[in-house]
Amino acid sequence: MTDGEDRGRGGLDTDDGRRSLMEALGPVAAALGGSLVDEEELDAADIPLRWRGHLVGGLRVPAELLNGVDGDLHGALGRMIEQVEDELGARLPDLSREGKQRAVRVLDERGAFLLRRSVEDVADALGVSRITVYNYLNAIRP
């Protein structure tokens, strides 16, 4: 597909395409305690976001996260899990099977499984095996 065809189909070469990508990444940025910035607002400390070779914006996270105070991004996963527990009204291990499946769906929608070791950590939080989390993910992903 040529760049012209990509533009004609609403790809990221359009303002709508870039906005869509930034909207999709918004929950991930929030879970990390950061924010998304437009490409014109990028600072040296921001993490550039590129899609298909194009700079589309950046991720601005707190300096302590970048400097390793948080160890790595596991703190972000913990915050995501706490948010889901608040929304579902119970701790993850106390949820029914359907509740646990709903929790995995919400965590997946928010990008939790993009983080290293997240399947293992979510399985521990749910009180289930990694295989169970993978089964839940396979059931909700096309």
N, C-alpha and C. Protein backbone atom coordinates (compact mmCIF):
# COMPACT_ATOMS: atom_id res chain seq x y z
N MET A 1 0.86 -1.16 0.00
CA MET A 1 0.00 0.00 0.00
C MET A 1 0.91 1.23 0.00
N THR A 2 0.58 2.21 -0.81
CA THR A 2 1.39 3.42 -0.88
C THR A 2 0.94 4.40 0.19
N ASP A 3 1.78 5.42 0.42
CA ASP A 3 1.41 6.43 1.41
C ASP A 3 0.08 7.08 1.06
N GLY A 4 -0.13 7.30 -0.24
CA GLY A 4 -1.38 7.91 -0.66
C GLY A 4 -2.58 7.05 -0.32
N GLU A 5 -2.43 5.71 -0.54
CA GLU A 5 -3.52 4.81 -0.19
C GLU A 5 -3.75 4.80 1.31
N ASP A 6 -2.65 4.84 2.09
CA ASP A 6 -2.77 4.85 3.55
C ASP A 6 -3.54 6.09 3.99
N ARG A 7 -3.21 7.23 3.40
CA ARG A 7 -3.91 8.47 3.76
C ARG A 7 -5.38 8.37 3.37
N GLY A 8 -5.63 7.80 2.22
CA GLY A 8 -7.00 7.70 1.75
C GLY A 8 -7.86 6.79 2.62
N ARG A 9 -7.24 5.87 3.34
CA ARG A 9 -8.00 4.95 4.19
C ARG A 9 -7.98 5.37 5.65
N GLY A 10 -7.58 6.60 5.95
CA GLY A 10 -7.61 7.08 7.33
C GLY A 10 -6.48 6.55 8.17
N GLY A 11 -5.31 6.28 7.56
CA GLY A 11 -4.15 5.79 8.30
C GLY A 11 -3.59 6.87 9.20
N LEU A 12 -2.43 6.59 9.78
CA LEU A 12 -1.85 7.52 10.73
C LEU A 12 -1.27 8.76 10.07
N ASP A 13 -1.30 8.84 8.76
CA ASP A 13 -0.86 10.05 8.09
C ASP A 13 -1.94 11.11 8.15
N THR A 14 -3.08 10.78 8.72
CA THR A 14 -4.16 11.76 8.89
C THR A 14 -4.24 12.17 10.35
N ASP A 15 -4.81 13.34 10.59
CA ASP A 15 -4.99 13.79 11.97
C ASP A 15 -5.88 12.81 12.74
N ASP A 16 -6.91 12.26 12.08
CA ASP A 16 -7.80 11.31 12.76
C ASP A 16 -7.05 10.05 13.16
N GLY A 17 -6.17 9.55 12.30
CA GLY A 17 -5.39 8.36 12.61
C GLY A 17 -4.46 8.58 13.78
N ARG A 18 -3.79 9.71 13.80
CA ARG A 18 -2.90 10.02 14.93
C ARG A 18 -3.68 10.19 16.22
N ARG A 19 -4.82 10.86 16.14
CA ARG A 19 -5.66 11.04 17.33
C ARG A 19 -6.12 9.68 17.86
N SER A 20 -6.49 8.78 16.96
CA SER A 20 -6.95 7.46 17.37
C SER A 20 -5.86 6.69 18.11
N LEU A 21 -4.65 6.76 17.59
CA LEU A 21 -3.54 6.07 18.26
C LEU A 21 -3.28 6.67 19.63
N MET A 22 -3.27 7.98 19.72
CA MET A 22 -3.01 8.64 21.00
C MET A 22 -4.13 8.32 21.99
N GLU A 23 -5.38 8.25 21.53
CA GLU A 23 -6.49 7.88 22.41
C GLU A 23 -6.32 6.44 22.90
N ALA A 24 -5.88 5.56 22.03
CA ALA A 24 -5.69 4.16 22.41
C ALA A 24 -4.60 4.01 23.46
N LEU A 25 -3.58 4.86 23.41
CA LEU A 25 -2.48 4.77 24.36
C LEU A 25 -2.74 5.54 25.66
N GLY A 26 -3.80 6.31 25.69
CA GLY A 26 -4.11 7.11 26.88
C GLY A 26 -4.20 6.32 28.17
N PRO A 27 -4.93 5.19 28.20
CA PRO A 27 -5.01 4.42 29.45
C PRO A 27 -3.66 3.88 29.92
N VAL A 28 -2.79 3.53 28.98
CA VAL A 28 -1.46 3.04 29.35
C VAL A 28 -0.68 4.17 30.01
N ALA A 29 -0.73 5.35 29.40
CA ALA A 29 -0.02 6.50 29.97
C ALA A 29 -0.54 6.80 31.38
N ALA A 30 -1.85 6.77 31.55
CA ALA A 30 -2.44 7.07 32.86
C ALA A 30 -2.01 6.03 33.89
N ALA A 31 -1.98 4.77 33.49
CA ALA A 31 -1.58 3.72 34.43
C ALA A 31 -0.12 3.87 34.86
N LEU A 32 0.69 4.44 34.00
CA LEU A 32 2.09 4.68 34.33
C LEU A 32 2.28 5.96 35.13
N GLY A 33 1.20 6.69 35.34
CA GLY A 33 1.30 7.96 36.04
C GLY A 33 1.83 9.06 35.14
N GLY A 34 1.72 8.87 33.84
CA GLY A 34 2.23 9.84 32.88
C GLY A 34 1.13 10.43 32.03
N SER A 35 1.56 11.05 30.94
CA SER A 35 0.61 11.65 30.01
C SER A 35 1.18 11.58 28.60
N LEU A 36 0.30 11.71 27.64
CA LEU A 36 0.70 11.75 26.24
C LEU A 36 0.84 13.19 25.80
N VAL A 37 1.84 13.47 24.98
CA VAL A 37 2.05 14.82 24.46
C VAL A 37 2.14 14.75 22.95
N ASP A 38 1.72 15.83 22.30
CA ASP A 38 1.83 15.93 20.85
C ASP A 38 3.29 16.04 20.46
N GLU A 39 3.60 15.69 19.22
CA GLU A 39 4.99 15.70 18.76
C GLU A 39 5.63 17.08 18.89
N GLU A 40 4.83 18.15 18.78
CA GLU A 40 5.38 19.50 18.89
C GLU A 40 5.79 19.84 20.33
N GLU A 41 5.25 19.11 21.31
CA GLU A 41 5.49 19.40 22.72
C GLU A 41 6.55 18.50 23.35
N LEU A 42 7.20 17.63 22.57
CA LEU A 42 8.16 16.68 23.11
C LEU A 42 9.33 17.38 23.78
N ASP A 43 9.70 16.88 24.96
CA ASP A 43 10.90 17.32 25.67
C ASP A 43 11.94 16.22 25.54
N ALA A 44 13.17 16.54 25.92
CA ALA A 44 14.26 15.56 25.82
C ALA A 44 14.00 14.33 26.68
N ALA A 45 13.29 14.48 27.81
CA ALA A 45 13.04 13.36 28.72
C ALA A 45 11.84 12.51 28.29
N ASP A 46 11.05 12.96 27.32
CA ASP A 46 9.88 12.22 26.88
C ASP A 46 10.29 11.01 26.05
N ILE A 47 9.45 10.00 26.05
CA ILE A 47 9.67 8.81 25.24
C ILE A 47 8.93 9.01 23.92
N PRO A 48 9.67 9.09 22.79
CA PRO A 48 8.99 9.30 21.50
C PRO A 48 8.14 8.09 21.12
N LEU A 49 6.97 8.34 20.57
CA LEU A 49 6.08 7.30 20.08
C LEU A 49 6.07 7.35 18.56
N ARG A 50 6.48 6.25 17.96
CA ARG A 50 6.55 6.18 16.49
C ARG A 50 5.63 5.06 16.01
N TRP A 51 5.01 5.32 14.90
CA TRP A 51 4.16 4.32 14.26
C TRP A 51 4.47 4.33 12.77
N ARG A 52 4.90 3.16 12.29
CA ARG A 52 5.26 3.00 10.88
C ARG A 52 6.27 4.06 10.44
N GLY A 53 7.23 4.33 11.32
CA GLY A 53 8.30 5.26 10.99
C GLY A 53 7.97 6.72 11.18
N HIS A 54 6.76 7.02 11.60
CA HIS A 54 6.35 8.41 11.79
C HIS A 54 6.28 8.75 13.28
N LEU A 55 6.83 9.88 13.66
CA LEU A 55 6.69 10.37 15.03
C LEU A 55 5.27 10.88 15.20
N VAL A 56 4.53 10.31 16.17
CA VAL A 56 3.13 10.70 16.36
C VAL A 56 2.89 11.39 17.69
N GLY A 57 3.88 11.40 18.55
CA GLY A 57 3.72 12.03 19.86
C GLY A 57 4.75 11.47 20.82
N GLY A 58 4.45 11.63 22.10
CA GLY A 58 5.38 11.14 23.10
C GLY A 58 4.68 10.76 24.39
N LEU A 59 5.39 10.01 25.20
CA LEU A 59 4.92 9.61 26.52
C LEU A 59 5.77 10.33 27.54
N ARG A 60 5.13 11.10 28.38
CA ARG A 60 5.82 11.82 29.45
C ARG A 60 5.49 11.12 30.77
N VAL A 61 6.52 10.53 31.39
CA VAL A 61 6.33 9.83 32.66
C VAL A 61 7.12 10.54 33.76
N PRO A 62 6.74 10.33 35.02
CA PRO A 62 7.46 10.98 36.11
C PRO A 62 8.95 10.60 36.10
N ALA A 63 9.78 11.55 36.47
CA ALA A 63 11.23 11.35 36.44
C ALA A 63 11.65 10.17 37.30
N GLU A 64 10.99 9.95 38.44
CA GLU A 64 11.40 8.84 39.31
C GLU A 64 11.20 7.49 38.63
N LEU A 65 10.22 7.39 37.73
CA LEU A 65 10.01 6.15 36.99
C LEU A 65 11.14 5.94 35.99
N LEU A 66 11.51 7.00 35.30
CA LEU A 66 12.60 6.92 34.33
C LEU A 66 13.94 6.65 35.01
N ASN A 67 14.12 7.17 36.20
CA ASN A 67 15.39 7.01 36.90
C ASN A 67 15.48 5.71 37.68
N GLY A 68 14.47 4.87 37.58
CA GLY A 68 14.55 3.55 38.18
C GLY A 68 14.12 3.46 39.63
N VAL A 69 13.56 4.53 40.22
CA VAL A 69 13.13 4.46 41.61
C VAL A 69 12.06 3.40 41.77
N ASP A 70 11.25 3.23 40.74
CA ASP A 70 10.18 2.25 40.78
C ASP A 70 10.69 0.86 40.42
N GLY A 71 11.99 0.71 40.21
CA GLY A 71 12.57 -0.57 39.84
C GLY A 71 12.35 -0.86 38.38
N ASP A 72 11.14 -1.02 37.97
CA ASP A 72 10.74 -1.13 36.57
C ASP A 72 9.27 -0.79 36.52
N LEU A 73 8.54 -1.29 35.56
CA LEU A 73 7.15 -0.88 35.40
C LEU A 73 6.16 -1.72 36.19
N HIS A 74 6.64 -2.57 37.09
CA HIS A 74 5.70 -3.38 37.87
C HIS A 74 4.80 -2.52 38.74
N GLY A 75 5.27 -1.35 39.16
CA GLY A 75 4.42 -0.45 39.91
C GLY A 75 3.21 -0.02 39.10
N ALA A 76 3.42 0.12 37.79
CA ALA A 76 2.30 0.49 36.91
C ALA A 76 1.25 -0.61 36.88
N LEU A 77 1.69 -1.85 36.81
CA LEU A 77 0.75 -2.96 36.80
C LEU A 77 -0.02 -3.02 38.11
N GLY A 78 0.66 -2.79 39.20
CA GLY A 78 -0.01 -2.77 40.50
C GLY A 78 -1.09 -1.71 40.56
N ARG A 79 -0.78 -0.53 40.00
CA ARG A 79 -1.79 0.54 39.97
C ARG A 79 -2.98 0.15 39.10
N MET A 80 -2.70 -0.51 37.97
CA MET A 80 -3.80 -0.96 37.10
C MET A 80 -4.68 -1.96 37.84
N ILE A 81 -4.05 -2.89 38.54
CA ILE A 81 -4.81 -3.91 39.27
C ILE A 81 -5.66 -3.25 40.36
N GLU A 82 -5.11 -2.29 41.07
CA GLU A 82 -5.88 -1.59 42.11
C GLU A 82 -7.08 -0.88 41.50
N GLN A 83 -6.90 -0.24 40.33
CA GLN A 83 -8.00 0.45 39.67
C GLN A 83 -9.10 -0.54 39.30
N VAL A 84 -8.72 -1.69 38.77
CA VAL A 84 -9.71 -2.70 38.36
C VAL A 84 -10.44 -3.24 39.59
N GLU A 85 -9.71 -3.47 40.68
CA GLU A 85 -10.37 -3.94 41.91
C GLU A 85 -11.38 -2.91 42.39
N ASP A 86 -11.01 -1.62 42.34
CA ASP A 86 -11.94 -0.57 42.75
C ASP A 86 -13.18 -0.57 41.87
N GLU A 87 -12.98 -0.70 40.56
CA GLU A 87 -14.10 -0.67 39.62
C GLU A 87 -15.01 -1.88 39.78
N LEU A 88 -14.42 -3.05 40.05
CA LEU A 88 -15.23 -4.26 40.17
C LEU A 88 -15.74 -4.49 41.59
N GLY A 89 -15.25 -3.71 42.53
CA GLY A 89 -15.76 -3.75 43.88
C GLY A 89 -15.27 -4.90 44.75
N ALA A 90 -14.18 -5.54 44.36
CA ALA A 90 -13.63 -6.65 45.15
C ALA A 90 -12.18 -6.87 44.78
N ARG A 91 -11.45 -7.52 45.68
CA ARG A 91 -10.07 -7.89 45.37
C ARG A 91 -10.11 -8.99 44.31
N LEU A 92 -9.11 -9.03 43.44
CA LEU A 92 -9.13 -9.98 42.33
C LEU A 92 -9.30 -11.44 42.76
N PRO A 93 -8.60 -11.91 43.82
CA PRO A 93 -8.78 -13.32 44.17
C PRO A 93 -10.19 -13.66 44.67
N ASP A 94 -10.92 -12.65 45.09
CA ASP A 94 -12.27 -12.87 45.63
C ASP A 94 -13.36 -12.85 44.55
N LEU A 95 -12.98 -12.52 43.32
CA LEU A 95 -13.96 -12.45 42.23
C LEU A 95 -14.38 -13.85 41.77
N SER A 96 -15.58 -13.93 41.21
CA SER A 96 -16.03 -15.17 40.59
C SER A 96 -15.22 -15.39 39.31
N ARG A 97 -15.41 -16.55 38.70
CA ARG A 97 -14.70 -16.83 37.45
C ARG A 97 -15.03 -15.76 36.40
N GLU A 98 -16.30 -15.39 36.29
CA GLU A 98 -16.71 -14.38 35.32
C GLU A 98 -16.09 -13.03 35.68
N GLY A 99 -16.00 -12.72 36.96
CA GLY A 99 -15.37 -11.48 37.40
C GLY A 99 -13.90 -11.44 37.05
N LYS A 100 -13.24 -12.58 37.21
CA LYS A 100 -11.81 -12.65 36.86
C LYS A 100 -11.63 -12.48 35.36
N GLN A 101 -12.51 -13.06 34.57
CA GLN A 101 -12.44 -12.88 33.12
C GLN A 101 -12.66 -11.42 32.75
N ARG A 102 -13.59 -10.78 33.42
CA ARG A 102 -13.85 -9.35 33.18
C ARG A 102 -12.62 -8.53 33.56
N ALA A 103 -11.98 -8.86 34.67
CA ALA A 103 -10.78 -8.15 35.11
C ALA A 103 -9.66 -8.29 34.08
N VAL A 104 -9.48 -9.49 33.55
CA VAL A 104 -8.44 -9.71 32.53
C VAL A 104 -8.78 -8.90 31.28
N ARG A 105 -10.05 -8.85 30.90
CA ARG A 105 -10.45 -8.07 29.73
C ARG A 105 -10.13 -6.59 29.93
N VAL A 106 -10.46 -6.05 31.10
CA VAL A 106 -10.20 -4.64 31.37
C VAL A 106 -8.69 -4.37 31.38
N LEU A 107 -7.93 -5.23 32.04
CA LEU A 107 -6.47 -5.06 32.07
C LEU A 107 -5.89 -5.13 30.67
N ASP A 108 -6.40 -6.03 29.84
CA ASP A 108 -5.91 -6.14 28.47
C ASP A 108 -6.23 -4.87 27.68
N GLU A 109 -7.45 -4.35 27.85
CA GLU A 109 -7.84 -3.12 27.15
C GLU A 109 -6.95 -1.95 27.54
N ARG A 110 -6.43 -1.97 28.76
CA ARG A 110 -5.59 -0.87 29.26
C ARG A 110 -4.10 -1.09 29.00
N GLY A 111 -3.77 -2.17 28.31
CA GLY A 111 -2.38 -2.40 27.94
C GLY A 111 -1.54 -3.08 28.99
N ALA A 112 -2.15 -3.66 30.00
CA ALA A 112 -1.38 -4.28 31.08
C ALA A 112 -0.48 -5.40 30.58
N PHE A 113 -0.91 -6.12 29.57
CA PHE A 113 -0.15 -7.29 29.14
C PHE A 113 0.98 -6.93 28.18
N LEU A 114 1.20 -5.64 27.98
CA LEU A 114 2.36 -5.18 27.24
C LEU A 114 3.59 -5.10 28.16
N LEU A 115 3.35 -5.12 29.45
CA LEU A 115 4.43 -5.01 30.43
C LEU A 115 5.08 -6.37 30.67
N ARG A 116 6.38 -6.35 30.89
CA ARG A 116 7.15 -7.56 31.13
C ARG A 116 6.64 -8.30 32.37
N ARG A 117 6.51 -9.62 32.29
CA ARG A 117 6.07 -10.50 33.38
C ARG A 117 4.64 -10.24 33.84
N SER A 118 3.88 -9.51 33.06
CA SER A 118 2.53 -9.15 33.51
C SER A 118 1.59 -10.34 33.62
N VAL A 119 1.71 -11.31 32.72
CA VAL A 119 0.81 -12.47 32.80
C VAL A 119 1.03 -13.19 34.12
N GLU A 120 2.29 -13.40 34.50
CA GLU A 120 2.59 -14.07 35.75
C GLU A 120 2.09 -13.26 36.95
N ASP A 121 2.32 -11.95 36.91
CA ASP A 121 1.90 -11.10 38.02
C ASP A 121 0.38 -11.03 38.15
N VAL A 122 -0.32 -10.95 37.02
CA VAL A 122 -1.79 -10.92 37.06
C VAL A 122 -2.31 -12.27 37.54
N ALA A 123 -1.70 -13.36 37.10
CA ALA A 123 -2.12 -14.69 37.56
C ALA A 123 -1.98 -14.78 39.07
N ASP A 124 -0.85 -14.30 39.60
CA ASP A 124 -0.66 -14.30 41.06
C ASP A 124 -1.73 -13.47 41.76
N ALA A 125 -2.03 -12.29 41.21
CA ALA A 125 -3.03 -11.41 41.82
C ALA A 125 -4.42 -12.03 41.79
N LEU A 126 -4.72 -12.78 40.72
CA LEU A 126 -6.03 -13.42 40.58
C LEU A 126 -6.13 -14.71 41.39
N GLY A 127 -4.97 -15.30 41.72
CA GLY A 127 -4.98 -16.60 42.39
C GLY A 127 -5.24 -17.74 41.43
N VAL A 128 -4.77 -17.58 40.17
CA VAL A 128 -4.94 -18.61 39.15
C VAL A 128 -3.57 -18.86 38.49
N SER A 129 -3.53 -19.82 37.58
CA SER A 129 -2.28 -20.12 36.89
C SER A 129 -2.09 -19.21 35.67
N ARG A 130 -0.86 -19.17 35.17
CA ARG A 130 -0.58 -18.43 33.93
C ARG A 130 -1.43 -18.96 32.79
N ILE A 131 -1.59 -20.27 32.75
CA ILE A 131 -2.37 -20.90 31.68
C ILE A 131 -3.80 -20.39 31.69
N THR A 132 -4.35 -20.22 32.88
CA THR A 132 -5.72 -19.70 33.00
C THR A 132 -5.80 -18.28 32.43
N VAL A 133 -4.81 -17.43 32.76
CA VAL A 133 -4.82 -16.06 32.23
C VAL A 133 -4.70 -16.11 30.70
N TYR A 134 -3.82 -16.97 30.17
CA TYR A 134 -3.71 -17.09 28.71
C TYR A 134 -5.02 -17.58 28.10
N ASN A 135 -5.70 -18.50 28.76
CA ASN A 135 -7.00 -18.97 28.26
C ASN A 135 -8.02 -17.83 28.24
N TYR A 136 -8.05 -17.00 29.29
CA TYR A 136 -8.95 -15.85 29.32
C TYR A 136 -8.62 -14.90 28.17
N LEU A 137 -7.33 -14.64 27.97
CA LEU A 137 -6.92 -13.74 26.88
C LEU A 137 -7.28 -14.30 25.52
N ASN A 138 -7.07 -15.59 25.33
CA ASN A 138 -7.43 -16.22 24.05
C ASN A 138 -8.92 -16.15 23.78
N ALA A 139 -9.72 -16.20 24.84
CA ALA A 139 -11.18 -16.13 24.68
C ALA A 139 -11.67 -14.74 24.28
N ILE A 140 -10.90 -13.70 24.65
CA ILE A 140 -11.37 -12.34 24.36
C ILE A 140 -10.69 -11.71 23.15
N ARG A 141 -9.58 -12.28 22.72
CA ARG A 141 -8.87 -11.71 21.56
C ARG A 141 -9.29 -12.43 20.30
N PRO A 142 -9.45 -11.65 19.22
CA PRO A 142 -9.86 -12.29 17.94
C PRO A 142 -8.77 -13.16 17.37
